[in-house]
């Protein structure tokens, strides 16, 4: 019997330089680049007031509670006012009586029936009664608390029946029409802002403008920062986070490339692939300077007019023939 011997000869895989369609990004080398500095802060009401009575007494009624919206001059709370009202009525009646006597005296003076001294006395009595009426009216008004501006009741500290002295806190009100953002500005950025100018903010994902109205000598925390006060034309809920978007120029030669074009290399460097004159992928080493959204600012051997391969090492290998997908 003849034996057949089979010799298996392995097939060796040969490198294939297949053409690859890629997206290309043109390089434009510049001497400086702009970045967005994000500085956080809080939205606060422009005005926030603690309200109390200007005279002592017993609280008769409080018309509002926490969360209530009020208009300027709305009646918020009252003291027992029977005594103040009685004094006001007494002063009003006395003023009316003295005024009539004074007016009669003036009429008689024209007819030469009263002396000049008597007319002056009646005028003094009228002026005194007028002042007493104004004092009584003021004391009566001080038994009421009215809203100093349109706002929202933030806190209620007391209830009906409480005995209070002057200036004891009864209510707290927040401005519901105008808000501000307080931002700690580093001293290195102070010369980048100007009073009266508008700047971009991001609040709850929305882009809005606010005007720089004041610049404090230092921050509220005593650091080297300075506190900037920015006023909004639109109302936002106090307590929300606001981020100031400050555009800053940095002097550094480089170029913007797609972030996806970068691959990490040794010694803190990165690589990108560019299209060579022979339409092959060639590797370039760059230094990563800044990342902004989906773009990266890099410096290195790139030149204006070079074409960076989007996707980098995930798309091509060095020496691979490439074609522009466009």
Foldseek 3Di string as FASTA:
>chain_A
DDDDDDDDDDDDDDDDQDAAAFAWDFWDKDQKDKDWDKFKWFKAFPDKDFDDFQAWAFWAFAPDFAFDWDAFFAWGTFGPCPVLVVQLVVLVVQLVVLVVVLVVVVVVVVVVNDDPVVNVVSVVSNVVSVVSNVVSVVNSCSRIDTHNHTWGWHHADDGGGDTDGGPDGGTMTGDQQKIKIKTFAAPVCPVVDDAQDWFWKAWPNDIFIWGFHDWAPHDPVPDNTIITITIGNDGDDGGTMMITTRMDMDRHIWTKDFQLQWDDDPPQWIWGWWQDPQQWTAIFIWHFDDDDVGITTIDGDDDRRIITTRNHPNRHDGGRHYDHPD
